[in-house]
Amino acid sequence: MTKYNTDLGKCMLGDSLDVLSTLPDDSIDLIITSPPFSLQRHKRYGEPEQNEYVDWLLQFGKAALPKLKETGSFVIDLGGAYQKGRPVKALYPFKFMIRMVEDIGYNLAQDFYWHNPSALPTPIEWVNKRKERCKTSVNTVWWFSKGDHPKADIRKVLVPYSSRMQKMVDNPDAFVKDGAVRPSGYVMRQSSWTTNNGGAIPPNLLQITNTESNSQYLRFCKELKLKSHPARFPAKFPEFFIKMLTDENDLVVDIFSGSNTTGMVAESLNRRWLSIDISPEFIATSVFRFAENKKQAEMYYLDLINGHDVKIEHQQQTLL
């Protein structure tokens, strides 16, 4: 059931498998999500055991495939874990990726890796206590597609040039001699190396710090003495993929929406969005991302906790 909505999107309470079954086939442009990870020390929102995790998660991939457009994408962030009682990595992120392709029928468009420079030194047993392993700061991010050529435009996510590249663009004669032949036989052309394209092509290693201590969401949770969601990805993470893989008015869906970072980012980028979560508590606090002030946040929250739906009337253009 819909719990709150804006002119562009809505947040629904329920099992994503049930909600996905109600959507038309070929209707979604992008699913981007971060499910509960298969951890040994479980967080309070719950997740299946490691030996059940891949089968559990594949249900959602199977349900989502017919709902994606032929040009649609499914992007999923998966954190790694160690096997119980052993300093040996669990293989479920890779097993999931292989079975999404071989069993369900997706294409692996590209593998991404999200590096969080602010990651804490975990797991404690093998990193802090025994000093046998380095801290884990990289998540696997699988970009699956339905067809061979999903909608994608890397020109929307160009990154700043390095200082050396910027100097080359500004003064090509000092760096590239047109017609010069490299030892490999490659003939240098200034036009190939010095055209200003507005930025450099990004790598598939995304370095995004996962800190939002000053975010509106956390501020309202603290001021209203409410628990925040224990696992939130930073806004820059869904922003990258939403920009690259969708256009304005496309439909973006998050099937494990948590604190609804995805919906907030999609709203700011003028995409239609649908966020789904099974926890009434997390949905009630996720509305803080759309509140203009503490009074409004508290009003929205109380309405949701008391079983009422919320319509967010205003158009908020700068949520990020």
C-alpha atoms as a PDB file:
ATOM      1  CA  MET A   1       0.000   0.000   0.000  1.00  0.00           C
ATOM      2  CA  THR A   2       1.133   3.544  -0.708  1.00  0.00           C
ATOM      3  CA  LYS A   3       2.236   5.359   2.441  1.00  0.00           C
ATOM      4  CA  TYR A   4       3.425   8.666   1.031  1.00  0.00           C
ATOM      5  CA  ASN A   5       3.779  10.192  -2.371  1.00  0.00           C
ATOM      6  CA  THR A   6       4.888  13.258  -4.282  1.00  0.00           C
ATOM      7  CA  ASP A   7       3.939  14.379  -7.762  1.00  0.00           C
ATOM      8  CA  LEU A   8       6.790  12.234  -9.112  1.00  0.00           C
ATOM      9  CA  GLY A   9       6.828   9.149  -6.932  1.00  0.00           C
ATOM     10  CA  LYS A  10       5.532   7.071  -4.088  1.00  0.00           C
ATOM     11  CA  CYS A  11       6.806   4.987  -1.199  1.00  0.00           C
ATOM     12  CA  MET A  12       4.956   1.734  -0.628  1.00  0.00           C
ATOM     13  CA  LEU A  13       4.756  -0.553   2.400  1.00  0.00           C
ATOM     14  CA  GLY A  14       4.896  -4.223   1.491  1.00  0.00           C
ATOM     15  CA  ASP A  15       6.839  -7.165   0.173  1.00  0.00           C
ATOM     16  CA  SER A  16       8.588  -6.173  -3.044  1.00  0.00           C
ATOM     17  CA  LEU A  17       7.673  -9.493  -4.629  1.00  0.00           C
ATOM     18  CA  ASP A  18       3.997  -8.668  -4.177  1.00  0.00           C
ATOM     19  CA  VAL A  19       4.363  -5.074  -5.359  1.00  0.00           C
ATOM     20  CA  LEU A  20       6.401  -6.022  -8.435  1.00  0.00           C
ATOM     21  CA  SER A  21       3.699  -8.507  -9.470  1.00  0.00           C
ATOM     22  CA  THR A  22       1.216  -5.622  -9.767  1.00  0.00           C
ATOM     23  CA  LEU A  23       3.358  -3.548 -12.122  1.00  0.00           C
ATOM     24  CA  PRO A  24       2.971  -3.743 -15.895  1.00  0.00           C
ATOM     25  CA  ASP A  25       5.581  -5.681 -17.822  1.00  0.00           C
ATOM     26  CA  ASP A  26       8.202  -3.585 -19.642  1.00  0.00           C
ATOM     27  CA  SER A  27       7.507  -0.548 -17.439  1.00  0.00           C
ATOM     28  CA  ILE A  28      10.675   0.031 -15.353  1.00  0.00           C
ATOM     29  CA  ASP A  29      13.746   1.850 -16.629  1.00  0.00           C
ATOM     30  CA  LEU A  30      16.013   1.214 -13.652  1.00  0.00           C
ATOM     31  CA  ILE A  31      15.955  -0.833 -10.479  1.00  0.00           C
ATOM     32  CA  ILE A  32      18.693   0.269  -8.113  1.00  0.00           C
ATOM     33  CA  THR A  33      18.898  -1.171  -4.640  1.00  0.00           C
ATOM     34  CA  SER A  34      21.001  -2.370  -1.743  1.00  0.00           C
ATOM     35  CA  PRO A  35      19.412  -5.386  -0.037  1.00  0.00           C
ATOM     36  CA  PRO A  36      20.082  -6.507   3.525  1.00  0.00           C
ATOM     37  CA  PHE A  37      23.532  -8.072   3.394  1.00  0.00           C
ATOM     38  CA  SER A  38      24.215 -11.651   4.451  1.00  0.00           C
ATOM     39  CA  LEU A  39      26.177 -10.899   7.602  1.00  0.00           C
ATOM     40  CA  GLN A  40      27.285 -13.061  10.503  1.00  0.00           C
ATOM     41  CA  ARG A  41      26.345 -10.372  13.036  1.00  0.00           C
ATOM     42  CA  HIS A  42      22.796  -9.547  12.053  1.00  0.00           C
ATOM     43  CA  LYS A  43      21.476  -6.019  12.089  1.00  0.00           C
ATOM     44  CA  ARG A  44      18.095  -5.263  13.563  1.00  0.00           C
ATOM     45  CA  TYR A  45      16.217  -5.219  10.246  1.00  0.00           C
ATOM     46  CA  GLY A  46      16.917  -8.930   9.708  1.00  0.00           C
ATOM     47  CA  GLU A  47      18.271 -10.873   6.770  1.00  0.00           C
ATOM     48  CA  PRO A  48      18.451 -14.548   5.750  1.00  0.00           C
ATOM     49  CA  GLU A  49      21.302 -16.848   6.722  1.00  0.00           C
ATOM     50  CA  GLN A  50      24.259 -17.113   4.343  1.00  0.00           C
ATOM     51  CA  ASN A  51      23.327 -20.583   3.100  1.00  0.00           C
ATOM     52  CA  GLU A  52      19.873 -19.294   2.094  1.00  0.00           C
ATOM     53  CA  TYR A  53      20.822 -15.838   0.920  1.00  0.00           C
ATOM     54  CA  VAL A  54      21.409 -16.367  -2.808  1.00  0.00           C
ATOM     55  CA  ASP A  55      18.154 -18.285  -3.338  1.00  0.00           C
ATOM     56  CA  TRP A  56      16.266 -15.659  -1.334  1.00  0.00           C
ATOM     57  CA  LEU A  57      17.702 -12.757  -3.332  1.00  0.00           C
ATOM     58  CA  LEU A  58      17.234 -14.458  -6.708  1.00  0.00           C
ATOM     59  CA  GLN A  59      13.467 -14.373  -6.152  1.00  0.00           C
ATOM     60  CA  PHE A  60      13.563 -10.602  -6.568  1.00  0.00           C
ATOM     61  CA  GLY A  61      15.733 -10.750  -9.670  1.00  0.00           C
ATOM     62  CA  LYS A  62      13.351 -13.218 -11.279  1.00  0.00           C
ATOM     63  CA  ALA A  63      10.281 -11.130 -10.402  1.00  0.00           C
ATOM     64  CA  ALA A  64      11.921  -7.950 -11.704  1.00  0.00           C
ATOM     65  CA  LEU A  65      13.082  -9.187 -15.114  1.00  0.00           C
ATOM     66  CA  PRO A  66       9.743  -9.023 -16.986  1.00  0.00           C
ATOM     67  CA  LYS A  67       8.978  -5.646 -15.416  1.00  0.00           C
ATOM     68  CA  LEU A  68      12.091  -4.038 -16.900  1.00  0.00           C
ATOM     69  CA  LYS A  69      11.991  -2.410 -20.289  1.00  0.00           C
ATOM     70  CA  GLU A  70      14.207  -3.993 -22.923  1.00  0.00           C
ATOM     71  CA  THR A  71      16.528  -1.025 -22.376  1.00  0.00           C
ATOM     72  CA  GLY A  72      16.220  -1.277 -18.582  1.00  0.00           C
ATOM     73  CA  SER A  73      18.862  -2.016 -15.961  1.00  0.00           C
ATOM     74  CA  PHE A  74      19.056  -3.659 -12.540  1.00  0.00           C
ATOM     75  CA  VAL A  75      21.860  -2.300 -10.333  1.00  0.00           C
ATOM     76  CA  ILE A  76      22.511  -3.959  -6.984  1.00  0.00           C
ATOM     77  CA  ASP A  77      25.021  -3.110  -4.247  1.00  0.00           C
ATOM     78  CA  LEU A  78      26.242  -6.146  -2.309  1.00  0.00           C
ATOM     79  CA  GLY A  79      28.544  -6.000   0.659  1.00  0.00           C
ATOM     80  CA  GLY A  80      30.819  -8.934   1.331  1.00  0.00           C
ATOM     81  CA  ALA A  81      31.110 -11.056   4.450  1.00  0.00           C
ATOM     82  CA  TYR A  82      33.337 -13.700   5.985  1.00  0.00           C
ATOM     83  CA  GLN A  83      32.330 -17.286   6.611  1.00  0.00           C
ATOM     84  CA  LYS A  84      31.241 -18.005  10.160  1.00  0.00           C
ATOM     85  CA  GLY A  85      34.199 -18.381  12.491  1.00  0.00           C
ATOM     86  CA  ARG A  86      36.758 -18.314   9.661  1.00  0.00           C
ATOM     87  CA  PRO A  87      38.877 -15.573   8.057  1.00  0.00           C
ATOM     88  CA  VAL A  88      37.633 -16.786   4.666  1.00  0.00           C
ATOM     89  CA  LYS A  89      35.390 -14.743   2.430  1.00  0.00           C
ATOM     90  CA  ALA A  90      31.872 -15.894   1.617  1.00  0.00           C
ATOM     91  CA  LEU A  91      31.222 -16.200  -2.123  1.00  0.00           C
ATOM     92  CA  TYR A  92      27.547 -15.241  -2.223  1.00  0.00           C
ATOM     93  CA  PRO A  93      28.003 -11.939  -4.155  1.00  0.00           C
ATOM     94  CA  PHE A  94      29.654 -13.852  -6.984  1.00  0.00           C
ATOM     95  CA  LYS A  95      27.287 -16.812  -6.833  1.00  0.00           C
ATOM     96  CA  PHE A  96      24.381 -14.383  -7.050  1.00  0.00           C
ATOM     97  CA  MET A  97      25.908 -12.631 -10.062  1.00  0.00           C
ATOM     98  CA  ILE A  98      26.496 -15.883 -11.935  1.00  0.00           C
ATOM     99  CA  ARG A  99      23.034 -17.243 -11.247  1.00  0.00           C
ATOM    100  CA  MET A 100      21.347 -13.961 -12.224  1.00  0.00           C
ATOM    101  CA  VAL A 101      22.909 -14.475 -15.653  1.00  0.00           C
ATOM    102  CA  GLU A 102      22.846 -18.245 -16.063  1.00  0.00           C
ATOM    103  CA  ASP A 103      19.592 -19.085 -14.253  1.00  0.00           C
ATOM    104  CA  ILE A 104      17.433 -15.961 -14.581  1.00  0.00           C
ATOM    105  CA  GLY A 105      18.576 -14.597 -17.948  1.00  0.00           C
ATOM    106  CA  TYR A 106      20.118 -11.192 -17.245  1.00  0.00           C
ATOM    107  CA  ASN A 107      23.224  -9.858 -18.929  1.00  0.00           C
ATOM    108  CA  LEU A 108      26.079  -8.592 -16.782  1.00  0.00           C
ATOM    109  CA  ALA A 109      26.471  -5.183 -18.421  1.00  0.00           C
ATOM    110  CA  GLN A 110      29.426  -4.273 -16.210  1.00  0.00           C
ATOM    111  CA  ASP A 111      30.873  -4.937 -12.796  1.00  0.00           C
ATOM    112  CA  PHE A 112      31.390  -1.915 -10.532  1.00  0.00           C
ATOM    113  CA  TYR A 113      33.141  -1.605  -7.200  1.00  0.00           C
ATOM    114  CA  TRP A 114      32.203   0.991  -4.616  1.00  0.00           C
ATOM    115  CA  HIS A 115      35.103   2.077  -2.414  1.00  0.00           C
ATOM    116  CA  ASN A 116      34.117   3.784   0.815  1.00  0.00           C
ATOM    117  CA  PRO A 117      37.237   5.567   2.151  1.00  0.00           C
ATOM    118  CA  SER A 118      35.567   6.087   5.536  1.00  0.00           C
ATOM    119  CA  ALA A 119      34.777   2.393   6.105  1.00  0.00           C
ATOM    120  CA  LEU A 120      35.434   1.180   9.636  1.00  0.00           C
ATOM    121  CA  PRO A 121      38.079  -1.515  10.216  1.00  0.00           C
ATOM    122  CA  THR A 122      35.887  -4.606  10.103  1.00  0.00           C
ATOM    123  CA  PRO A 123      35.479  -7.501  10.655  1.00  0.00           C
ATOM    124  CA  ILE A 124      36.695  -6.835  14.170  1.00  0.00           C
ATOM    125  CA  GLU A 125      37.931 -10.381  14.856  1.00  0.00           C
ATOM    126  CA  TRP A 126      40.239 -10.644  11.859  1.00  0.00           C
ATOM    127  CA  VAL A 127      41.202  -6.981  11.432  1.00  0.00           C
ATOM    128  CA  ASN A 128      41.328  -5.368  14.883  1.00  0.00           C
ATOM    129  CA  LYS A 129      41.986  -8.281  17.200  1.00  0.00           C
ATOM    130  CA  ARG A 130      44.105 -10.775  15.296  1.00  0.00           C
ATOM    131  CA  LYS A 131      45.483  -8.368  12.683  1.00  0.00           C
ATOM    132  CA  GLU A 132      45.199 -11.058   9.992  1.00  0.00           C
ATOM    133  CA  ARG A 133      43.169  -9.206   7.388  1.00  0.00           C
ATOM    134  CA  CYS A 134      42.921  -5.682   5.985  1.00  0.00           C
ATOM    135  CA  LYS A 135      39.697  -3.808   6.523  1.00  0.00           C
ATOM    136  CA  THR A 136      36.981  -4.253   3.921  1.00  0.00           C
ATOM    137  CA  SER A 137      36.113  -0.989   2.192  1.00  0.00           C
ATOM    138  CA  VAL A 138      34.828  -2.144  -1.212  1.00  0.00           C
ATOM    139  CA  ASN A 139      31.377  -3.450  -2.130  1.00  0.00           C
ATOM    140  CA  THR A 140      30.596  -5.304  -5.332  1.00  0.00           C
ATOM    141  CA  VAL A 141      28.038  -3.549  -7.511  1.00  0.00           C
ATOM    142  CA  TRP A 142      26.532  -5.558 -10.351  1.00  0.00           C
ATOM    143  CA  TRP A 143      24.975  -3.707 -13.295  1.00  0.00           C
ATOM    144  CA  PHE A 144      22.631  -6.186 -14.955  1.00  0.00           C
ATOM    145  CA  SER A 145      20.694  -5.459 -18.133  1.00  0.00           C
ATOM    146  CA  LYS A 146      17.748  -7.077 -19.815  1.00  0.00           C
ATOM    147  CA  GLY A 147      19.017  -6.541 -23.356  1.00  0.00           C
ATOM    148  CA  ASP A 148      22.457  -6.198 -24.875  1.00  0.00           C
ATOM    149  CA  HIS A 149      22.159  -2.434 -25.206  1.00  0.00           C
ATOM    150  CA  PRO A 150      20.538  -0.915 -22.109  1.00  0.00           C
ATOM    151  CA  LYS A 151      19.988   2.817 -22.045  1.00  0.00           C
ATOM    152  CA  ALA A 152      23.276   4.358 -20.905  1.00  0.00           C
ATOM    153  CA  ASP A 153      25.155   7.594 -21.517  1.00  0.00           C
ATOM    154  CA  ILE A 154      28.490   8.094 -19.774  1.00  0.00           C
ATOM    155  CA  ARG A 155      28.557  11.725 -20.919  1.00  0.00           C
ATOM    156  CA  LYS A 156      26.108  12.416 -18.075  1.00  0.00           C
ATOM    157  CA  VAL A 157      28.601  11.252 -15.438  1.00  0.00           C
ATOM    158  CA  LEU A 158      31.933  12.591 -16.648  1.00  0.00           C
ATOM    159  CA  VAL A 159      34.464  13.332 -13.918  1.00  0.00           C
ATOM    160  CA  PRO A 160      36.889  16.285 -13.722  1.00  0.00           C
ATOM    161  CA  TYR A 161      40.065  15.975 -15.742  1.00  0.00           C
ATOM    162  CA  SER A 162      43.297  15.303 -13.905  1.00  0.00           C
ATOM    163  CA  SER A 163      45.566  18.326 -13.641  1.00  0.00           C
ATOM    164  CA  ARG A 164      47.867  16.897 -16.315  1.00  0.00           C
ATOM    165  CA  MET A 165      45.001  16.203 -18.717  1.00  0.00           C
ATOM    166  CA  GLN A 166      43.628  19.699 -18.200  1.00  0.00           C
ATOM    167  CA  LYS A 167      47.036  21.155 -19.070  1.00  0.00           C
ATOM    168  CA  MET A 168      47.101  19.010 -22.218  1.00  0.00           C
ATOM    169  CA  VAL A 169      43.664  20.258 -23.254  1.00  0.00           C
ATOM    170  CA  ASP A 170      44.656  23.861 -22.581  1.00  0.00           C
ATOM    171  CA  ASN A 171      48.048  23.669 -24.340  1.00  0.00           C
ATOM    172  CA  PRO A 172      48.170  20.676 -26.713  1.00  0.00           C
ATOM    173  CA  ASP A 173      51.349  21.728 -28.522  1.00  0.00           C
ATOM    174  CA  ALA A 174      53.355  21.303 -25.327  1.00  0.00           C
ATOM    175  CA  PHE A 175      52.284  17.675 -24.882  1.00  0.00           C
ATOM    176  CA  VAL A 176      51.280  16.118 -28.193  1.00  0.00           C
ATOM    177  CA  LYS A 177      53.104  16.473 -31.500  1.00  0.00           C
ATOM    178  CA  ASP A 178      50.624  15.835 -34.276  1.00  0.00           C
ATOM    179  CA  GLY A 179      51.789  12.930 -36.449  1.00  0.00           C
ATOM    180  CA  ALA A 180      54.438  11.706 -34.022  1.00  0.00           C
ATOM    181  CA  VAL A 181      54.893   7.935 -34.065  1.00  0.00           C
ATOM    182  CA  ARG A 182      55.052   6.081 -30.748  1.00  0.00           C
ATOM    183  CA  PRO A 183      57.447   3.095 -30.328  1.00  0.00           C
ATOM    184  CA  SER A 184      54.383   0.864 -30.661  1.00  0.00           C
ATOM    185  CA  GLY A 185      53.657   2.334 -34.090  1.00  0.00           C
ATOM    186  CA  TYR A 186      50.672   4.362 -32.926  1.00  0.00           C
ATOM    187  CA  VAL A 187      50.410   7.712 -34.746  1.00  0.00           C
ATOM    188  CA  MET A 188      49.612  10.565 -32.377  1.00  0.00           C
ATOM    189  CA  ARG A 189      46.799  12.942 -33.312  1.00  0.00           C
ATOM    190  CA  GLN A 190      46.179  16.083 -31.266  1.00  0.00           C
ATOM    191  CA  SER A 191      42.459  15.887 -31.982  1.00  0.00           C
ATOM    192  CA  SER A 192      42.276  12.480 -30.260  1.00  0.00           C
ATOM    193  CA  TRP A 193      43.996  13.578 -27.071  1.00  0.00           C
ATOM    194  CA  THR A 194      43.286  17.252 -26.609  1.00  0.00           C
ATOM    195  CA  THR A 195      39.584  17.701 -27.377  1.00  0.00           C
ATOM    196  CA  ASN A 196      37.765  19.112 -24.365  1.00  0.00           C
ATOM    197  CA  ASN A 197      34.833  16.758 -23.812  1.00  0.00           C
ATOM    198  CA  GLY A 198      33.807  18.417 -20.566  1.00  0.00           C
ATOM    199  CA  GLY A 199      35.421  15.790 -18.390  1.00  0.00           C
ATOM    200  CA  ALA A 200      36.981  12.347 -18.272  1.00  0.00           C
ATOM    201  CA  ILE A 201      35.254   8.986 -18.631  1.00  0.00           C
ATOM    202  CA  PRO A 202      34.645   7.613 -15.117  1.00  0.00           C
ATOM    203  CA  PRO A 203      36.125   4.275 -14.051  1.00  0.00           C
ATOM    204  CA  ASN A 204      34.125   1.366 -12.712  1.00  0.00           C
ATOM    205  CA  LEU A 205      35.633   1.993  -9.279  1.00  0.00           C
ATOM    206  CA  LEU A 206      33.375   4.502  -7.538  1.00  0.00           C
ATOM    207  CA  GLN A 207      35.055   6.254  -4.628  1.00  0.00           C
ATOM    208  CA  ILE A 208      32.226   7.663  -2.536  1.00  0.00           C
ATOM    209  CA  THR A 209      32.508   8.339   1.174  1.00  0.00           C
ATOM    210  CA  ASN A 210      29.572   6.963   3.110  1.00  0.00           C
ATOM    211  CA  THR A 211      29.115   9.750   5.627  1.00  0.00           C
ATOM    212  CA  GLU A 212      25.982  11.838   6.002  1.00  0.00           C
ATOM    213  CA  SER A 213      26.280  13.034   9.569  1.00  0.00           C
ATOM    214  CA  ASN A 214      24.794  16.410   8.659  1.00  0.00           C
ATOM    215  CA  SER A 215      21.977  15.088   6.485  1.00  0.00           C
ATOM    216  CA  GLN A 216      18.424  16.233   6.957  1.00  0.00           C
ATOM    217  CA  TYR A 217      17.327  12.644   7.518  1.00  0.00           C
ATOM    218  CA  LEU A 218      19.708  11.993  10.400  1.00  0.00           C
ATOM    219  CA  ARG A 219      19.122  15.432  11.886  1.00  0.00           C
ATOM    220  CA  PHE A 220      15.362  14.902  12.126  1.00  0.00           C
ATOM    221  CA  CYS A 221      15.823  11.359  13.475  1.00  0.00           C
ATOM    222  CA  LYS A 222      18.059  12.740  16.220  1.00  0.00           C
ATOM    223  CA  GLU A 223      15.871  15.727  17.039  1.00  0.00           C
ATOM    224  CA  LEU A 224      12.753  13.551  17.264  1.00  0.00           C
ATOM    225  CA  LYS A 225      14.625  10.826  19.178  1.00  0.00           C
ATOM    226  CA  LEU A 226      13.944   8.153  16.578  1.00  0.00           C
ATOM    227  CA  LYS A 227      16.220   5.377  15.355  1.00  0.00           C
ATOM    228  CA  SER A 228      17.706   5.885  11.917  1.00  0.00           C
ATOM    229  CA  HIS A 229      18.136   3.112   9.381  1.00  0.00           C
ATOM    230  CA  PRO A 230      21.369   1.216  10.199  1.00  0.00           C
ATOM    231  CA  ALA A 231      22.571   0.846   6.590  1.00  0.00           C
ATOM    232  CA  ARG A 232      22.233   3.790   4.226  1.00  0.00           C
ATOM    233  CA  PHE A 233      24.126   4.281   1.004  1.00  0.00           C
ATOM    234  CA  PRO A 234      25.198   7.864   0.217  1.00  0.00           C
ATOM    235  CA  ALA A 235      23.181   9.937  -2.241  1.00  0.00           C
ATOM    236  CA  LYS A 236      26.090  10.066  -4.698  1.00  0.00           C
ATOM    237  CA  PHE A 237      25.774   6.320  -5.224  1.00  0.00           C
ATOM    238  CA  PRO A 238      22.262   6.165  -6.745  1.00  0.00           C
ATOM    239  CA  GLU A 239      22.850   9.587  -8.326  1.00  0.00           C
ATOM    240  CA  PHE A 240      25.632   8.184 -10.508  1.00  0.00           C
ATOM    241  CA  PHE A 241      23.541   5.336 -11.908  1.00  0.00           C
ATOM    242  CA  ILE A 242      20.291   7.304 -12.201  1.00  0.00           C
ATOM    243  CA  LYS A 243      22.083   9.967 -14.241  1.00  0.00           C
ATOM    244  CA  MET A 244      23.903   7.456 -16.442  1.00  0.00           C
ATOM    245  CA  LEU A 245      21.095   4.962 -17.029  1.00  0.00           C
ATOM    246  CA  THR A 246      17.910   7.049 -17.177  1.00  0.00           C
ATOM    247  CA  ASP A 247      16.405  10.228 -18.596  1.00  0.00           C
ATOM    248  CA  GLU A 248      13.989  12.659 -16.994  1.00  0.00           C
ATOM    249  CA  ASN A 249      10.531  11.149 -16.363  1.00  0.00           C
ATOM    250  CA  ASP A 250      11.884   7.580 -16.542  1.00  0.00           C
ATOM    251  CA  LEU A 251      10.799   5.216 -13.767  1.00  0.00           C
ATOM    252  CA  VAL A 252      13.348   4.348 -11.054  1.00  0.00           C
ATOM    253  CA  VAL A 253      12.491   1.620  -8.521  1.00  0.00           C
ATOM    254  CA  ASP A 254      14.148   0.625  -5.242  1.00  0.00           C
ATOM    255  CA  ILE A 255      12.903  -2.729  -3.941  1.00  0.00           C
ATOM    256  CA  PHE A 256      14.683  -2.454  -0.547  1.00  0.00           C
ATOM    257  CA  SER A 257      14.301   1.263  -0.039  1.00  0.00           C
ATOM    258  CA  GLY A 258      15.236   1.602   3.656  1.00  0.00           C
ATOM    259  CA  SER A 259      15.635   5.326   4.337  1.00  0.00           C
ATOM    260  CA  ASN A 260      14.639   6.069   0.722  1.00  0.00           C
ATOM    261  CA  THR A 261      17.816   7.717  -0.510  1.00  0.00           C
ATOM    262  CA  THR A 262      16.923   6.483  -4.002  1.00  0.00           C
ATOM    263  CA  GLY A 263      13.525   8.170  -4.011  1.00  0.00           C
ATOM    264  CA  MET A 264      15.014  11.440  -2.790  1.00  0.00           C
ATOM    265  CA  VAL A 265      17.693  11.419  -5.506  1.00  0.00           C
ATOM    266  CA  ALA A 266      15.227  10.446  -8.229  1.00  0.00           C
ATOM    267  CA  GLU A 267      12.932  13.272  -7.145  1.00  0.00           C
ATOM    268  CA  SER A 268      15.776  15.772  -7.343  1.00  0.00           C
ATOM    269  CA  LEU A 269      16.694  14.556 -10.832  1.00  0.00           C
ATOM    270  CA  ASN A 270      13.087  14.757 -12.092  1.00  0.00           C
ATOM    271  CA  ARG A 271      12.624  11.015 -12.459  1.00  0.00           C
ATOM    272  CA  ARG A 272       9.471   9.153 -11.548  1.00  0.00           C
ATOM    273  CA  TRP A 273      10.161   6.799  -8.669  1.00  0.00           C
ATOM    274  CA  LEU A 274       8.765   3.920  -6.653  1.00  0.00           C
ATOM    275  CA  SER A 275      10.296   2.861  -3.342  1.00  0.00           C
ATOM    276  CA  ILE A 276       9.265  -0.297  -1.511  1.00  0.00           C
ATOM    277  CA  ASP A 277      10.070  -1.452   2.005  1.00  0.00           C
ATOM    278  CA  ILE A 278       8.592  -4.009   4.353  1.00  0.00           C
ATOM    279  CA  SER A 279       9.206  -2.012   7.548  1.00  0.00           C
ATOM    280  CA  PRO A 280       6.579   0.550   8.649  1.00  0.00           C
ATOM    281  CA  GLU A 281       9.167   2.083  11.006  1.00  0.00           C
ATOM    282  CA  PHE A 282      11.723   2.715   8.275  1.00  0.00           C
ATOM    283  CA  ILE A 283       9.110   4.087   5.904  1.00  0.00           C
ATOM    284  CA  ALA A 284       7.823   6.470   8.566  1.00  0.00           C
ATOM    285  CA  THR A 285      11.268   7.973   9.163  1.00  0.00           C
ATOM    286  CA  SER A 286      12.254   7.921   5.467  1.00  0.00           C
ATOM    287  CA  VAL A 287       9.685  10.658   4.856  1.00  0.00           C
ATOM    288  CA  PHE A 288      12.108  13.013   6.620  1.00  0.00           C
ATOM    289  CA  ARG A 289      14.024  13.206   3.343  1.00  0.00           C
ATOM    290  CA  PHE A 290      11.087  15.144   1.889  1.00  0.00           C
ATOM    291  CA  ALA A 291      10.240  17.380   4.862  1.00  0.00           C
ATOM    292  CA  GLU A 292      11.036  21.094   4.780  1.00  0.00           C
ATOM    293  CA  ASN A 293      11.460  21.501   8.525  1.00  0.00           C
ATOM    294  CA  LYS A 294      11.257  19.651  11.843  1.00  0.00           C
ATOM    295  CA  LYS A 295       7.580  20.506  12.390  1.00  0.00           C
ATOM    296  CA  GLN A 296       6.621  19.103   9.022  1.00  0.00           C
ATOM    297  CA  ALA A 297       8.822  16.031   9.559  1.00  0.00           C
ATOM    298  CA  GLU A 298       7.085  15.287  12.868  1.00  0.00           C
ATOM    299  CA  MET A 299       3.645  15.775  11.341  1.00  0.00           C
ATOM    300  CA  TYR A 300       4.416  13.416   8.449  1.00  0.00           C
ATOM    301  CA  TYR A 301       5.896  10.840  10.812  1.00  0.00           C
ATOM    302  CA  LEU A 302       2.926  10.840  13.202  1.00  0.00           C
ATOM    303  CA  ASP A 303       0.486  10.495  10.325  1.00  0.00           C
ATOM    304  CA  LEU A 304       2.364   7.496   8.960  1.00  0.00           C
ATOM    305  CA  ILE A 305       2.813   5.793  12.339  1.00  0.00           C
ATOM    306  CA  ASN A 306      -0.913   6.217  13.010  1.00  0.00           C
ATOM    307  CA  GLY A 307      -1.818   4.521   9.740  1.00  0.00           C
ATOM    308  CA  HIS A 308      -2.547   7.563   7.606  1.00  0.00           C
ATOM    309  CA  ASP A 309      -1.163   8.197   4.150  1.00  0.00           C
ATOM    310  CA  VAL A 310       0.774  11.377   3.411  1.00  0.00           C
ATOM    311  CA  LYS A 311       0.665  13.493   0.276  1.00  0.00           C
ATOM    312  CA  ILE A 312       3.715  15.721  -0.019  1.00  0.00           C
ATOM    313  CA  GLU A 313       2.309  18.692  -1.868  1.00  0.00           C
ATOM    314  CA  HIS A 314       5.314  20.929  -2.344  1.00  0.00           C
ATOM    315  CA  GLN A 315       7.868  20.591  -5.104  1.00  0.00           C
ATOM    316  CA  GLN A 316      11.287  20.366  -3.516  1.00  0.00           C
ATOM    317  CA  GLN A 317      13.976  20.947  -6.135  1.00  0.00           C
ATOM    318  CA  THR A 318      17.137  20.678  -4.058  1.00  0.00           C
ATOM    319  CA  LEU A 319      16.912  17.615  -1.869  1.00  0.00           C
ATOM    320  CA  LEU A 320      20.487  16.463  -2.422  1.00  0.00           C
END
